[in-house]
Amino acid sequence: MNTKNTVSVNGATIEFKELSKEEYLQNQKNAKLLMDLSSIFNIEAFELSNKKVVVKDKETFTMYNSVMDVRNVYRDFVNSGGIRSALFGKNPYGKDFDKETLFLINNLLDTLNINRNVKLDKALLTIIDARLNKNQYSTQFIEEHLISIIALLGEVFKNEFVSQWKLELSKDNQTWVPIIIYKDNKIAFYNYLLEDIENHRIYNNYLMCIYKTMQEVAIHNIDQ
C-alpha cells in the first residue's frame, strides 16, 4: 500500500504512510514497543531501527517518521475531542481528491487487468464484479483499494446523474471526505463501504449493490 499522506498539526505538516496489516506486522517484528505512547493514546506503537514508528490504531496501520510526529498527531487528536473521521489516512489527495479520480480509477483498472479505455458506467461495475466474484470478494481488497473504489462509484454516478463532487473537512479538521452533491442533496456513499468493511460484509456483485443504493438515494431525494 505505502500511500504517503500529510496532516497539519499546529501549522506544521507531518508526513505518514498507510500500511497494510501485513506490512505493519512485518515491520514491528524486531521493533521496540513504545509503552508510553501505546498506553497514553490506546494504540500500538513500535520504533524501528531507523527511528521511524509504525502504529496500529484499531484496524488502521501507519508509519510515521519519528516518535515526536506520532506524539504530536495523537496529542492534537485528543485535544480536538478524540473525533477522527473513519476516512482518516485514506485520502492522500485531501481537498484535491476530485482532480485525481481518473488517476485512481486507472490504478484500479490496471490492478484488475482491465483496459483503461473502458467507459465509466454500470457495465464497468458489472465487469469488475464478475472479475472479483471469481477470486472471491474480500474485505481486504475493498479496504486496500477503498479510495479508488470511491472514485469509481462517484464518477459512474456523475455520468448517469447531473451531479458533482464536494470535499468536506471532517470534524477532526484533518480529513477531507468526498461526497456527491445531487439536486442539492448530499450522498455520502463512502459510509456504506466503511460500514461493510467494519462488519466484514463484502459479497458477490458488491459494487453494483452499492451503486443501486446510491441510485435509490438519488431517485428519492434523500439527503445524507
Protein backbone atom coordinates (compact mmCIF):
# COMPACT_ATOMS: atom_id res chain seq x y z
CA MET A 1 0.00 0.00 0.00
CA ASN A 2 2.52 2.63 1.21
CA THR A 3 0.44 5.70 0.34
CA LYS A 4 2.01 8.93 1.56
CA ASN A 5 -0.27 11.29 3.46
CA THR A 6 0.14 14.53 5.37
CA VAL A 7 -1.68 16.08 8.31
CA SER A 8 -1.41 19.60 9.65
CA VAL A 9 -0.76 19.96 13.38
CA ASN A 10 -0.40 23.45 14.84
CA GLY A 11 0.73 24.80 11.48
CA ALA A 12 3.32 22.06 10.92
CA THR A 13 2.98 19.41 8.20
CA ILE A 14 3.56 15.84 9.33
CA GLU A 15 4.01 13.03 6.82
CA PHE A 16 2.91 9.45 7.34
CA LYS A 17 2.29 6.37 5.21
CA GLU A 18 -0.58 3.95 5.17
CA LEU A 19 0.45 0.32 5.65
CA SER A 20 -1.37 -2.92 5.05
CA LYS A 21 -1.79 -5.18 8.07
CA GLU A 22 0.87 -7.48 6.66
CA GLU A 23 3.35 -4.61 6.26
CA TYR A 24 2.69 -3.47 9.81
CA LEU A 25 3.25 -6.94 11.26
CA GLN A 26 6.44 -7.38 9.26
CA ASN A 27 7.85 -4.04 10.46
CA GLN A 28 7.03 -4.49 14.12
CA LYS A 29 8.63 -7.93 14.45
CA ASN A 30 12.05 -6.65 15.56
CA ALA A 31 10.95 -3.19 16.67
CA LYS A 32 10.84 -1.61 20.12
CA LEU A 33 7.43 -1.27 21.75
CA LEU A 34 6.84 2.33 22.86
CA MET A 35 4.98 1.70 26.10
CA ASP A 36 4.30 5.36 26.93
CA LEU A 37 2.68 6.19 23.59
CA SER A 38 0.80 2.91 23.50
CA SER A 39 -0.72 3.33 26.94
CA ILE A 40 -1.43 7.08 26.75
CA PHE A 41 -3.17 7.01 23.36
CA ASN A 42 -4.55 3.45 23.41
CA ILE A 43 -2.60 2.39 20.32
CA GLU A 44 0.23 0.02 19.45
CA ALA A 45 3.40 1.94 18.58
CA PHE A 46 6.77 0.40 17.68
CA GLU A 47 10.03 2.23 16.94
CA LEU A 48 12.15 0.79 14.14
CA SER A 49 15.93 0.80 13.96
CA ASN A 50 15.80 3.78 11.55
CA LYS A 51 13.77 5.72 14.18
CA LYS A 52 10.55 5.55 12.18
CA VAL A 53 7.46 4.42 14.04
CA VAL A 54 4.71 2.02 12.99
CA VAL A 55 1.32 2.42 14.61
CA LYS A 56 -1.76 0.25 14.89
CA ASP A 57 -4.89 2.26 15.71
CA LYS A 58 -7.84 -0.14 15.71
CA GLU A 59 -7.66 -1.50 12.14
CA THR A 60 -5.64 1.37 10.67
CA PHE A 61 -1.89 0.83 10.18
CA THR A 62 0.52 3.71 9.59
CA MET A 63 4.20 4.64 9.61
CA TYR A 64 5.49 7.98 10.92
CA ASN A 65 8.96 9.49 10.56
CA SER A 66 9.57 9.88 14.30
CA VAL A 67 8.26 9.38 17.82
CA MET A 68 7.67 13.14 18.04
CA ASP A 69 5.43 13.06 14.97
CA VAL A 70 3.27 10.34 16.49
CA ARG A 71 3.10 12.20 19.80
CA ASN A 72 2.08 15.46 18.10
CA VAL A 73 -0.56 13.87 15.87
CA TYR A 74 -2.21 11.97 18.70
CA ARG A 75 -1.96 14.82 21.19
CA ASP A 76 -3.76 17.01 18.65
CA PHE A 77 -6.33 14.25 18.16
CA VAL A 78 -7.04 14.12 21.89
CA ASN A 79 -7.19 17.91 22.17
CA SER A 80 -9.77 18.01 19.36
CA GLY A 81 -12.09 15.82 21.44
CA GLY A 82 -10.98 12.45 20.14
CA ILE A 83 -13.09 12.76 16.99
CA ARG A 84 -11.47 11.22 13.94
CA SER A 85 -13.03 10.53 10.57
CA ALA A 86 -13.24 6.90 9.52
CA LEU A 87 -11.50 8.05 6.32
CA PHE A 88 -8.51 9.41 8.25
CA GLY A 89 -5.33 8.47 6.38
CA LYS A 90 -7.22 7.03 3.42
CA ASN A 91 -7.48 10.10 1.18
CA PRO A 92 -3.92 11.23 0.41
CA TYR A 93 -5.19 13.86 -2.04
CA GLY A 94 -7.19 15.80 0.53
CA LYS A 95 -9.38 18.55 -0.91
CA ASP A 96 -7.92 17.87 -4.38
CA PHE A 97 -9.39 14.36 -4.47
CA ASP A 98 -11.80 15.25 -7.29
CA LYS A 99 -8.84 16.17 -9.51
CA GLU A 100 -7.31 12.71 -9.07
CA THR A 101 -10.32 10.44 -9.60
CA LEU A 102 -9.33 9.31 -13.10
CA PHE A 103 -5.79 8.53 -11.90
CA LEU A 104 -7.23 6.46 -9.05
CA ILE A 105 -9.64 4.65 -11.35
CA ASN A 106 -6.86 3.82 -13.81
CA ASN A 107 -4.80 2.35 -10.98
CA LEU A 108 -7.73 0.13 -10.04
CA LEU A 109 -8.27 -0.94 -13.67
CA ASP A 110 -4.57 -1.76 -14.02
CA THR A 111 -4.73 -3.89 -10.88
CA LEU A 112 -7.64 -5.85 -12.36
CA ASN A 113 -6.10 -6.03 -15.88
CA ILE A 114 -8.99 -4.07 -17.41
CA ASN A 115 -8.38 -1.73 -20.37
CA ARG A 116 -8.24 1.92 -19.31
CA ASN A 117 -10.29 2.98 -22.35
CA VAL A 118 -13.44 1.35 -20.96
CA LYS A 119 -16.46 3.59 -20.45
CA LEU A 120 -17.17 4.58 -16.84
CA ASP A 121 -20.68 3.22 -16.47
CA LYS A 122 -22.71 0.48 -14.80
CA ALA A 123 -21.42 -2.06 -17.32
CA LEU A 124 -17.91 -1.49 -15.97
CA LEU A 125 -19.12 -2.13 -12.41
CA THR A 126 -20.59 -5.42 -13.64
CA ILE A 127 -17.28 -6.33 -15.30
CA ILE A 128 -15.34 -5.61 -12.11
CA ASP A 129 -17.86 -7.52 -10.02
CA ALA A 130 -17.55 -10.54 -12.32
CA ARG A 131 -13.75 -10.36 -12.14
CA LEU A 132 -13.76 -10.19 -8.36
CA ASN A 133 -16.52 -12.77 -7.93
CA LYS A 134 -14.19 -15.34 -9.49
CA ASN A 135 -11.46 -14.53 -6.99
CA GLN A 136 -13.85 -14.26 -4.06
CA TYR A 137 -14.63 -10.75 -2.98
CA SER A 138 -12.70 -9.87 0.15
CA THR A 139 -12.82 -7.17 2.77
CA GLN A 140 -9.07 -6.76 2.33
CA PHE A 141 -9.38 -5.92 -1.37
CA ILE A 142 -12.11 -3.32 -0.78
CA GLU A 143 -10.15 -1.80 2.11
CA GLU A 144 -6.85 -1.64 0.22
CA HIS A 145 -8.48 -0.03 -2.84
CA LEU A 146 -11.11 1.97 -0.95
CA ILE A 147 -10.24 5.43 -2.23
CA SER A 148 -10.09 4.17 -5.85
CA ILE A 149 -13.45 2.45 -5.46
CA ILE A 150 -14.97 5.64 -4.07
CA ALA A 151 -13.59 7.50 -7.11
CA LEU A 152 -15.03 4.90 -9.50
CA LEU A 153 -18.51 4.79 -7.97
CA GLY A 154 -18.67 8.58 -7.87
CA GLU A 155 -17.60 9.04 -11.49
CA VAL A 156 -20.05 6.37 -12.72
CA PHE A 157 -22.80 8.15 -10.81
CA LYS A 158 -21.81 11.53 -12.28
CA ASN A 159 -22.05 10.05 -15.78
CA GLU A 160 -25.64 8.92 -15.11
CA PHE A 161 -26.89 11.81 -12.97
CA VAL A 162 -26.09 15.52 -13.25
CA SER A 163 -24.06 15.82 -10.07
CA GLN A 164 -20.70 16.90 -8.72
CA TRP A 165 -18.06 16.07 -6.15
CA LYS A 166 -17.80 18.03 -2.93
CA LEU A 167 -14.96 17.67 -0.42
CA GLU A 168 -15.93 18.32 3.17
CA LEU A 169 -13.50 18.77 6.05
CA SER A 170 -14.47 16.33 8.79
CA LYS A 171 -14.74 17.19 12.46
CA ASP A 172 -11.14 16.11 13.07
CA ASN A 173 -10.08 19.14 10.96
CA GLN A 174 -7.65 16.87 9.08
CA THR A 175 -9.62 14.55 6.82
CA TRP A 176 -11.26 15.68 3.59
CA VAL A 177 -14.17 13.35 2.81
CA PRO A 178 -15.57 13.03 -0.74
CA ILE A 179 -19.33 13.17 -1.20
CA ILE A 180 -21.60 13.58 -4.22
CA ILE A 181 -24.00 16.51 -4.50
CA TYR A 182 -27.16 15.74 -6.46
CA LYS A 183 -30.06 18.21 -6.59
CA ASP A 184 -28.64 19.98 -3.52
CA ASN A 185 -28.65 16.72 -1.57
CA LYS A 186 -25.54 15.01 -0.21
CA ILE A 187 -24.82 11.37 -0.99
CA ALA A 188 -22.15 10.24 1.48
CA PHE A 189 -21.83 6.80 -0.07
CA TYR A 190 -18.35 6.20 1.36
CA ASN A 191 -20.14 5.40 4.61
CA TYR A 192 -21.73 2.31 3.02
CA LEU A 193 -18.28 0.97 2.16
CA LEU A 194 -16.80 1.74 5.58
CA GLU A 195 -19.68 0.04 7.40
CA ASP A 196 -19.37 -3.07 5.23
CA ILE A 197 -15.60 -3.20 5.75
CA GLU A 198 -16.01 -2.89 9.52
CA ASN A 199 -18.61 -5.67 9.57
CA HIS A 200 -16.77 -7.85 7.00
CA ARG A 201 -19.93 -7.66 4.91
CA ILE A 202 -18.46 -7.97 1.41
CA TYR A 203 -20.33 -10.17 -1.06
CA ASN A 204 -20.64 -11.03 -4.76
CA ASN A 205 -21.75 -8.24 -7.13
CA TYR A 206 -20.80 -5.82 -4.37
CA LEU A 207 -20.13 -2.70 -6.45
CA MET A 208 -23.45 -2.90 -8.27
CA CYS A 209 -25.26 -3.35 -4.96
CA ILE A 210 -23.61 -0.22 -3.57
CA TYR A 211 -24.37 1.66 -6.77
CA LYS A 212 -28.06 0.66 -6.68
CA THR A 213 -28.24 2.10 -3.16
CA MET A 214 -26.78 5.35 -4.48
CA GLN A 215 -29.41 5.38 -7.25
CA GLU A 216 -32.22 4.86 -4.74
CA VAL A 217 -30.94 7.71 -2.58
CA ALA A 218 -30.84 9.97 -5.65
CA ILE A 219 -34.26 8.97 -7.01
CA HIS A 220 -35.96 9.51 -3.66
CA ASN A 221 -34.05 12.75 -2.93
CA ILE A 222 -32.68 11.53 0.40
CA ASP A 223 -30.21 13.96 1.97
CA GLN A 224 -27.41 12.33 3.92
